[in-house]
């Protein structure tokens, strides 16, 4: 079977969870005997940041000849250079005027969005018609909209939902206009199936969806060796692995909590692994707290399991998640974990006082960090339970569940 995976943006050079799962799925499908291609549409050069077997082909369909009417991004200069301040002030004013003019000329922001979408969608249709896949798997509802808008695609499509489903098509966190929400919701009609991460996520699918649903959790690597919390060390480590994005991952809360405990635990450090748009803000926070010798922004790692294995506690203060990979990997190596009880995904994986702690607020986040930093026996108990808990999410089960779902969808497609 020829399977096409589509992540229309952020796949090239992307280091997030969706990019990682896309690569994992592609590799597993190849191992199951399928022919696999990953497609994106990005005005950049780059490559996959996670391992792909040689048989997986990556195609960027971007064509500079396809007309796109682009708004100019608004940039706020935060430096102290007066000449740059003046330059960016003039540039910002020009951008605002240009954007107002463009939206007016196009008949509004909604019409501008549809103008660009329709042209990209035609390019996707040409590519798909030439490739002739047997199955399409989109990595988000936005990718589904990109390929189906005003297109008739008879190939069965499955959407792989890497978060809680409503995060993909609503304006729950802001940033989406009503016209985009409506288009995203309507695009569910094109789906033969949806893969969700937890059974509880079914209730977040829109009424426009009429296809089949399968609960398939993300695969968690099996780690034979666990962190030994009985080992006495000169220095201990709290670790965090995620994109540096305070709007979602809220690293600033963990940094603040650790800084308040730092004088009590002088032989503990805090490492944050990952890159993202808020690196400078976090660097500034660490500097203002005078924690440069205790809190470290380590950058991207292509071996998170090794970094996690060298740590003692995993803290994950996200506001929202789907099925957080770094959290499950931390559990797989035997780390006790702390997150917020209000965070989707996190509250499905961390069982309070069994595999870790679920905090109700920032004060509790610091309290649970304190308890784990002072008690190696507690770290061992929670870490061992966490490791046992995630063993059910193994790669072989993930692959078997996906192949079963694919066969079911393709069989229904033939019958219809």
Protein backbone atom coordinates (compact mmCIF):
# COMPACT_ATOMS: atom_id res chain seq x y z
CA UNK A 1 0.00 0.00 0.00
CA UNK A 2 1.18 3.51 -0.84
CA UNK A 3 0.68 5.83 2.16
CA UNK A 4 1.03 9.61 1.97
CA UNK A 5 1.64 11.51 5.22
CA UNK A 6 0.93 15.24 5.00
CA UNK A 7 2.20 17.90 7.37
CA UNK A 8 1.80 21.03 5.30
CA UNK A 9 3.86 23.31 7.58
CA UNK A 10 6.71 23.10 10.10
CA UNK A 11 7.90 19.63 9.14
CA UNK A 12 11.22 20.75 7.64
CA UNK A 13 13.68 21.54 10.46
CA UNK A 14 10.82 21.07 12.95
CA UNK A 15 11.65 19.60 16.35
CA UNK A 16 8.19 19.33 17.89
CA UNK A 17 6.08 16.37 18.85
CA UNK A 18 4.05 16.34 15.62
CA UNK A 19 7.20 16.17 13.51
CA UNK A 20 8.55 13.35 15.66
CA UNK A 21 5.35 11.31 15.44
CA UNK A 22 5.18 11.87 11.69
CA UNK A 23 8.65 10.34 11.33
CA UNK A 24 7.85 7.48 13.72
CA UNK A 25 4.67 6.63 11.80
CA UNK A 26 6.50 6.74 8.47
CA UNK A 27 9.22 4.38 9.72
CA UNK A 28 6.69 1.98 11.23
CA UNK A 29 4.63 1.89 8.04
CA UNK A 30 7.74 1.00 6.05
CA UNK A 31 8.51 -1.80 8.50
CA UNK A 32 4.96 -3.08 7.94
CA UNK A 33 5.64 -3.31 4.20
CA UNK A 34 4.06 -0.08 2.99
CA UNK A 35 5.47 2.47 0.56
CA UNK A 36 5.62 5.83 2.33
CA UNK A 37 6.01 9.47 1.37
CA UNK A 38 5.87 12.58 3.56
CA UNK A 39 4.77 15.83 1.91
CA UNK A 40 4.94 19.44 3.05
CA UNK A 41 4.52 22.89 1.48
CA UNK A 42 7.10 25.27 2.93
CA UNK A 43 9.04 28.20 1.55
CA UNK A 44 12.27 27.02 3.18
CA UNK A 45 14.99 24.48 2.61
CA UNK A 46 15.63 21.85 5.22
CA UNK A 47 15.18 18.27 6.24
CA UNK A 48 13.52 16.04 8.80
CA UNK A 49 15.06 16.49 12.24
CA UNK A 50 14.12 13.01 13.45
CA UNK A 51 15.45 9.72 12.02
CA UNK A 52 13.81 8.38 8.87
CA UNK A 53 14.59 5.09 7.17
CA UNK A 54 15.97 5.39 3.63
CA UNK A 55 12.74 4.14 2.06
CA UNK A 56 10.76 7.17 3.25
CA UNK A 57 10.64 9.94 0.66
CA UNK A 58 10.16 13.57 1.74
CA UNK A 59 8.65 15.97 -0.82
CA UNK A 60 8.23 19.72 -0.52
CA UNK A 61 5.62 20.81 -3.07
CA UNK A 62 6.29 24.54 -2.58
CA UNK A 63 6.11 26.48 -5.85
CA UNK A 64 7.11 30.15 -5.82
CA UNK A 65 4.99 30.70 -8.95
CA UNK A 66 1.76 30.09 -7.02
CA UNK A 67 0.40 33.53 -6.20
CA UNK A 68 0.00 34.29 -2.49
CA UNK A 69 -1.09 37.64 -1.10
CA UNK A 70 0.84 37.93 2.15
CA UNK A 71 0.32 40.31 5.05
CA UNK A 72 3.52 41.89 6.39
CA UNK A 73 4.33 40.64 9.92
CA UNK A 74 4.28 43.31 12.65
CA UNK A 75 7.58 43.41 14.55
CA UNK A 76 8.08 45.26 17.84
CA UNK A 77 11.69 46.28 18.36
CA UNK A 78 12.80 45.66 21.98
CA UNK A 79 16.39 46.87 21.78
CA UNK A 80 17.90 50.19 22.89
CA UNK A 81 19.54 51.38 19.66
CA UNK A 82 17.74 54.66 18.73
CA UNK A 83 18.42 54.26 14.99
CA UNK A 84 17.01 50.73 14.94
CA UNK A 85 14.08 51.89 17.05
CA UNK A 86 13.26 54.57 14.43
CA UNK A 87 13.78 52.12 11.54
CA UNK A 88 11.44 49.54 12.99
CA UNK A 89 8.87 52.18 13.96
CA UNK A 90 8.70 53.35 10.34
CA UNK A 91 8.63 49.74 9.12
CA UNK A 92 5.82 48.90 11.54
CA UNK A 93 3.74 51.86 10.40
CA UNK A 94 4.26 50.91 6.77
CA UNK A 95 3.30 47.29 7.49
CA UNK A 96 0.07 48.35 9.20
CA UNK A 97 -0.91 50.61 6.31
CA UNK A 98 -0.04 47.95 3.74
CA UNK A 99 -2.02 45.28 5.59
CA UNK A 100 -5.09 47.50 5.87
CA UNK A 101 -4.88 48.27 2.15
CA UNK A 102 -4.40 44.62 1.15
CA UNK A 103 -7.32 43.36 3.26
CA UNK A 104 -9.55 46.10 1.87
CA UNK A 105 -8.52 45.33 -1.72
CA UNK A 106 -9.20 41.61 -1.19
CA UNK A 107 -12.60 42.22 0.35
CA UNK A 108 -11.67 41.43 3.91
CA UNK A 109 -9.33 39.13 5.82
CA UNK A 110 -11.58 36.12 5.22
CA UNK A 111 -11.46 36.55 1.46
CA UNK A 112 -7.68 36.99 1.61
CA UNK A 113 -7.35 33.73 3.55
CA UNK A 114 -9.54 31.86 1.06
CA UNK A 115 -7.72 33.35 -1.95
CA UNK A 116 -4.40 31.95 -0.72
CA UNK A 117 -5.90 28.66 0.50
CA UNK A 118 -7.61 27.94 -2.81
CA UNK A 119 -4.38 28.29 -4.76
CA UNK A 120 -2.41 26.09 -2.36
CA UNK A 121 -5.20 23.54 -2.42
CA UNK A 122 -5.04 23.29 -6.22
CA UNK A 123 -1.32 22.56 -5.96
CA UNK A 124 -2.01 19.79 -3.46
CA UNK A 125 -4.64 18.27 -5.76
CA UNK A 126 -2.19 18.14 -8.68
CA UNK A 127 0.45 16.51 -6.51
CA UNK A 128 -1.95 13.93 -5.05
CA UNK A 129 -3.37 13.07 -8.48
CA UNK A 130 0.15 12.44 -9.78
CA UNK A 131 1.25 10.38 -6.75
CA UNK A 132 -1.94 8.28 -6.58
CA UNK A 133 -1.60 7.09 -2.97
CA UNK A 134 -3.90 4.43 -1.55
CA UNK A 135 -4.29 6.27 1.75
CA UNK A 136 -3.65 9.78 3.04
CA UNK A 137 -2.86 10.56 6.67
CA UNK A 138 -2.93 14.25 7.65
CA UNK A 139 -0.99 15.32 10.73
CA UNK A 140 -3.45 18.08 11.63
CA UNK A 141 -6.86 19.40 10.64
CA UNK A 142 -5.10 22.41 9.13
CA UNK A 143 -3.29 20.03 6.78
CA UNK A 144 -6.62 18.37 5.99
CA UNK A 145 -8.12 21.75 5.06
CA UNK A 146 -5.13 22.52 2.85
CA UNK A 147 -5.66 19.44 0.66
CA UNK A 148 -9.46 19.24 0.61
CA UNK A 149 -10.66 22.82 0.14
CA UNK A 150 -12.82 22.81 -3.03
CA UNK A 151 -11.20 19.50 -3.99
CA UNK A 152 -12.86 16.15 -4.59
CA UNK A 153 -10.49 13.53 -3.22
CA UNK A 154 -11.76 9.95 -3.41
CA UNK A 155 -8.75 8.50 -1.59
CA UNK A 156 -9.59 7.67 2.06
CA UNK A 157 -8.14 10.17 4.53
CA UNK A 158 -7.30 9.63 8.20
CA UNK A 159 -6.38 12.49 10.48
CA UNK A 160 -3.79 11.82 13.17
CA UNK A 161 -4.72 14.09 16.07
CA UNK A 162 -1.63 14.97 18.08
CA UNK A 163 -3.52 16.92 20.70
CA UNK A 164 -6.99 17.13 22.10
CA UNK A 165 -9.17 17.36 18.96
CA UNK A 166 -10.79 20.71 19.75
CA UNK A 167 -7.38 22.38 19.89
CA UNK A 168 -7.15 21.78 16.12
CA UNK A 169 -10.35 23.46 14.97
CA UNK A 170 -11.56 25.92 17.62
CA UNK A 171 -10.38 29.28 18.91
CA UNK A 172 -10.02 28.02 22.46
CA UNK A 173 -6.56 29.58 22.87
CA UNK A 174 -7.10 32.55 20.58
CA UNK A 175 -5.50 33.44 17.25
CA UNK A 176 -8.05 31.90 14.87
CA UNK A 177 -10.68 33.98 13.12
CA UNK A 178 -14.27 32.73 12.92
CA UNK A 179 -14.01 32.06 9.18
CA UNK A 180 -10.99 29.80 9.74
CA UNK A 181 -12.74 27.93 12.56
CA UNK A 182 -15.73 27.27 10.30
CA UNK A 183 -13.54 26.01 7.47
CA UNK A 184 -11.57 23.72 9.78
CA UNK A 185 -14.73 22.29 11.30
CA UNK A 186 -16.30 21.69 7.88
CA UNK A 187 -13.19 19.87 6.67
CA UNK A 188 -13.94 16.99 9.06
CA UNK A 189 -16.57 15.88 6.53
CA UNK A 190 -13.77 14.69 4.25
CA UNK A 191 -12.39 12.22 6.78
CA UNK A 192 -12.87 8.48 6.63
CA UNK A 193 -11.30 8.17 10.07
CA UNK A 194 -9.67 9.94 13.00
CA UNK A 195 -6.98 8.61 15.29
CA UNK A 196 -7.23 10.03 18.80
CA UNK A 197 -4.84 9.58 21.71
CA UNK A 198 -7.21 8.88 24.60
CA UNK A 199 -10.77 7.58 24.75
CA UNK A 200 -11.83 10.70 26.64
CA UNK A 201 -10.94 12.78 23.56
CA UNK A 202 -13.94 11.43 21.60
CA UNK A 203 -16.20 14.08 23.12
CA UNK A 204 -14.08 16.83 21.58
CA UNK A 205 -14.73 15.81 17.96
CA UNK A 206 -17.15 18.12 16.09
CA UNK A 207 -20.62 17.10 14.91
CA UNK A 208 -19.42 17.45 11.31
CA UNK A 209 -17.30 14.29 11.70
CA UNK A 210 -19.05 11.13 10.49
CA UNK A 211 -16.16 8.71 10.08
CA UNK A 212 -14.59 5.98 12.19
CA UNK A 213 -12.58 6.68 15.33
CA UNK A 214 -9.66 4.69 16.73
CA UNK A 215 -7.87 5.28 20.02
CA UNK A 216 -4.16 4.81 19.28
CA UNK A 217 -1.74 6.27 21.79
CA UNK A 218 1.69 7.48 20.77
CA UNK A 219 4.46 4.88 21.04
CA UNK A 220 6.75 5.04 24.05
CA UNK A 221 10.24 3.50 23.74
CA UNK A 222 10.99 0.56 26.00
CA UNK A 223 13.96 1.44 28.21
CA UNK A 224 15.59 -1.53 29.90
CA UNK A 225 17.64 0.48 32.37
CA UNK A 226 15.94 2.78 34.89
CA UNK A 227 17.29 5.76 36.80
CA UNK A 228 18.76 4.50 40.08
CA UNK A 229 17.53 6.95 42.70
CA UNK A 230 19.55 5.26 45.45
CA UNK A 231 22.84 6.50 44.01
CA UNK A 232 24.38 9.32 46.05
CA UNK A 233 25.69 12.08 43.75
CA UNK A 234 27.56 15.34 44.10
CA UNK A 235 24.91 17.13 42.06
CA UNK A 236 21.29 16.30 41.24
CA UNK A 237 19.20 17.50 38.35
CA UNK A 238 15.65 18.54 37.55
CA UNK A 239 15.01 18.33 33.82
CA UNK A 240 12.46 19.65 31.33
CA UNK A 241 12.27 18.75 27.62
CA UNK A 242 9.97 20.72 25.32
CA UNK A 243 9.69 23.56 22.84
CA UNK A 244 10.52 26.89 24.52
CA UNK A 245 7.03 28.37 24.37
CA UNK A 246 5.69 29.93 27.55
CA UNK A 247 2.16 30.26 26.17
CA UNK A 248 1.82 26.46 26.08
CA UNK A 249 4.76 24.90 27.92
CA UNK A 250 4.97 27.56 30.68
CA UNK A 251 8.64 27.00 31.45
CA UNK A 252 8.73 30.34 33.28
CA UNK A 253 6.63 28.84 36.08
CA UNK A 254 9.06 25.99 36.66
CA UNK A 255 12.03 28.36 36.52
CA UNK A 256 10.43 30.62 39.14
CA UNK A 257 9.64 27.65 41.39
CA UNK A 258 13.15 26.22 41.18
CA UNK A 259 14.71 29.63 41.89
CA UNK A 260 12.75 29.81 45.14
CA UNK A 261 14.12 26.42 46.20
CA UNK A 262 17.69 26.88 44.96
CA UNK A 263 19.14 28.16 48.23
CA UNK A 264 17.65 25.21 50.13
CA UNK A 265 19.03 22.61 47.68
CA UNK A 266 22.49 23.90 46.76
CA UNK A 267 23.51 20.68 44.98
CA UNK A 268 20.56 20.70 42.56
CA UNK A 269 20.46 22.23 39.06
CA UNK A 270 17.68 22.71 36.49
CA UNK A 271 18.23 21.88 32.81
CA UNK A 272 15.76 22.80 30.08
CA UNK A 273 16.25 21.06 26.73
CA UNK A 274 14.64 22.39 23.56
CA UNK A 275 14.48 25.41 21.31
CA UNK A 276 11.63 27.77 20.56
CA UNK A 277 10.36 31.33 20.13
CA UNK A 278 10.62 32.29 23.81
CA UNK A 279 14.26 31.48 24.42
CA UNK A 280 15.23 35.14 24.87
CA UNK A 281 12.42 35.75 27.36
CA UNK A 282 13.54 32.76 29.43
CA UNK A 283 17.18 33.83 29.25
CA UNK A 284 16.12 37.24 30.56
CA UNK A 285 14.14 35.66 33.40
CA UNK A 286 17.10 33.48 34.43
CA UNK A 287 19.37 36.53 34.38
CA UNK A 288 16.97 38.61 36.48
CA UNK A 289 16.74 35.78 39.02
CA UNK A 290 20.56 35.54 39.07
CA UNK A 291 20.29 31.83 38.35
CA UNK A 292 22.78 31.54 35.46
CA UNK A 293 24.89 29.06 37.44
CA UNK A 294 21.94 26.85 38.38
CA UNK A 295 19.39 27.02 35.54
CA UNK A 296 20.52 26.18 32.01
CA UNK A 297 18.87 26.43 28.59
CA UNK A 298 20.63 23.52 26.88
CA UNK A 299 19.19 23.73 23.35
CA UNK A 300 17.98 20.93 21.10
CA UNK A 301 19.04 17.33 21.69
CA UNK A 302 18.65 14.43 19.30
CA UNK A 303 19.03 12.01 22.22
CA UNK A 304 16.45 13.01 24.84
CA UNK A 305 16.44 9.54 26.44
CA UNK A 306 20.11 9.91 27.37
CA UNK A 307 19.52 13.35 28.88
CA UNK A 308 16.52 12.12 30.84
CA UNK A 309 18.49 9.13 32.12
CA UNK A 310 21.02 11.51 33.66
CA UNK A 311 18.34 13.42 35.63
CA UNK A 312 16.45 12.88 38.89
CA UNK A 313 13.10 14.68 38.50
CA UNK A 314 11.06 15.69 35.44
CA UNK A 315 8.92 18.83 35.62
CA UNK A 316 6.35 19.56 32.90
CA UNK A 317 4.20 22.64 33.66
CA UNK A 318 2.29 22.77 30.34
CA UNK A 319 -1.05 24.52 29.99
CA UNK A 320 -2.32 22.05 27.41
CA UNK A 321 -1.02 18.91 25.69
CA UNK A 322 -2.19 15.94 23.64
CA UNK A 323 0.00 12.96 24.46
CA UNK A 324 3.28 14.58 25.53
CA UNK A 325 6.18 12.52 24.23
CA UNK A 326 8.86 13.92 26.51
CA UNK A 327 6.69 13.20 29.55
CA UNK A 328 6.20 9.56 28.56
CA UNK A 329 9.90 9.21 27.79
CA UNK A 330 10.73 10.60 31.24
CA UNK A 331 8.36 8.06 32.77
CA UNK A 332 9.93 5.29 30.67
CA UNK A 333 13.37 5.92 32.20
CA UNK A 334 11.90 5.92 35.72
CA UNK A 335 11.71 9.62 36.56
CA UNK A 336 9.04 10.94 38.94
CA UNK A 337 7.09 13.63 37.10
CA UNK A 338 5.25 16.82 38.04
CA UNK A 339 2.57 18.53 35.93
CA UNK A 340 -0.67 20.45 36.28
CA UNK A 341 -3.90 18.60 36.94
CA UNK A 342 -5.74 20.96 34.57
CA UNK A 343 -3.50 20.03 31.61
CA UNK A 344 -5.02 17.65 29.05
CA UNK A 345 -2.85 14.63 28.31
CA UNK A 346 -0.70 15.23 31.37
CA UNK A 347 -3.64 14.43 33.64
CA UNK A 348 -4.19 11.19 31.71
CA UNK A 349 -0.59 10.01 32.19
CA UNK A 350 0.41 11.23 35.64
CA UNK A 351 -1.54 9.49 38.37
CA UNK A 352 -1.35 11.74 41.41
CA UNK A 353 0.86 10.32 44.18
CA UNK A 354 1.33 7.12 42.16
CA UNK A 355 3.40 7.98 39.06
CA UNK A 356 4.03 11.60 40.01
CA UNK A 357 2.27 14.72 41.23
CA UNK A 358 -0.50 16.82 39.66
CA UNK A 359 -0.36 20.37 40.95
CA UNK A 360 -3.40 22.62 41.14
CA UNK A 361 -1.38 25.84 41.05
CA UNK A 362 2.16 27.22 41.02
CA UNK A 363 2.48 27.01 44.79
CA UNK A 364 1.77 23.27 44.63
CA UNK A 365 4.20 22.93 41.73
CA UNK A 366 6.96 24.26 43.98
CA UNK A 367 5.75 22.15 46.92
CA UNK A 368 5.97 18.93 44.90
CA UNK A 369 9.40 19.88 43.55
CA UNK A 370 10.47 20.40 47.18
CA UNK A 371 9.15 16.99 48.26
CA UNK A 372 10.93 15.16 45.46
CA UNK A 373 14.21 17.01 45.85
CA UNK A 374 14.45 16.08 49.53
CA UNK A 375 13.30 12.45 49.31
CA UNK A 376 15.14 9.86 47.20
CA UNK A 377 12.86 7.06 48.43
CA UNK A 378 9.82 8.93 47.12
CA UNK A 379 11.57 9.58 43.81
CA UNK A 380 12.29 5.87 43.48
CA UNK A 381 8.71 4.84 44.33
CA UNK A 382 7.05 7.23 41.88
CA UNK A 383 9.66 6.66 39.17
CA UNK A 384 9.25 2.89 39.30
CA UNK A 385 5.47 3.20 39.07
CA UNK A 386 5.77 5.63 36.17
CA UNK A 387 7.99 3.24 34.24
CA UNK A 388 5.57 0.35 34.74
CA UNK A 389 2.60 2.51 33.76
CA UNK A 390 3.89 3.54 30.31
CA UNK A 391 5.05 0.07 29.26
CA UNK A 392 1.59 -0.55 27.76
CA UNK A 393 2.26 2.20 25.20
CA UNK A 394 4.88 0.20 23.32
CA UNK A 395 5.88 0.53 19.69
CA UNK A 396 4.66 -2.88 18.57
CA UNK A 397 1.15 -2.21 19.90
CA UNK A 398 1.11 1.20 18.22
CA UNK A 399 2.10 -0.34 14.89
CA UNK A 400 -0.45 -3.15 15.19
CA UNK A 401 -3.24 -0.72 16.10
CA UNK A 402 -2.42 1.53 13.16
CA UNK A 403 -2.33 -1.34 10.67
CA UNK A 404 -5.66 -2.63 11.97
CA UNK A 405 -7.23 0.82 11.60
CA UNK A 406 -5.82 1.30 8.11
CA UNK A 407 -7.27 -2.05 6.96
CA UNK A 408 -10.66 -1.14 8.41
CA UNK A 409 -10.72 2.26 6.70
CA UNK A 410 -9.59 0.91 3.34
CA UNK A 411 -12.14 -1.92 3.50
CA UNK A 412 -14.95 0.55 4.18
CA UNK A 413 -13.70 2.74 1.34
CA UNK A 414 -13.92 -0.17 -1.12
CA UNK A 415 -17.42 -1.08 0.09
CA UNK A 416 -18.59 2.49 -0.38
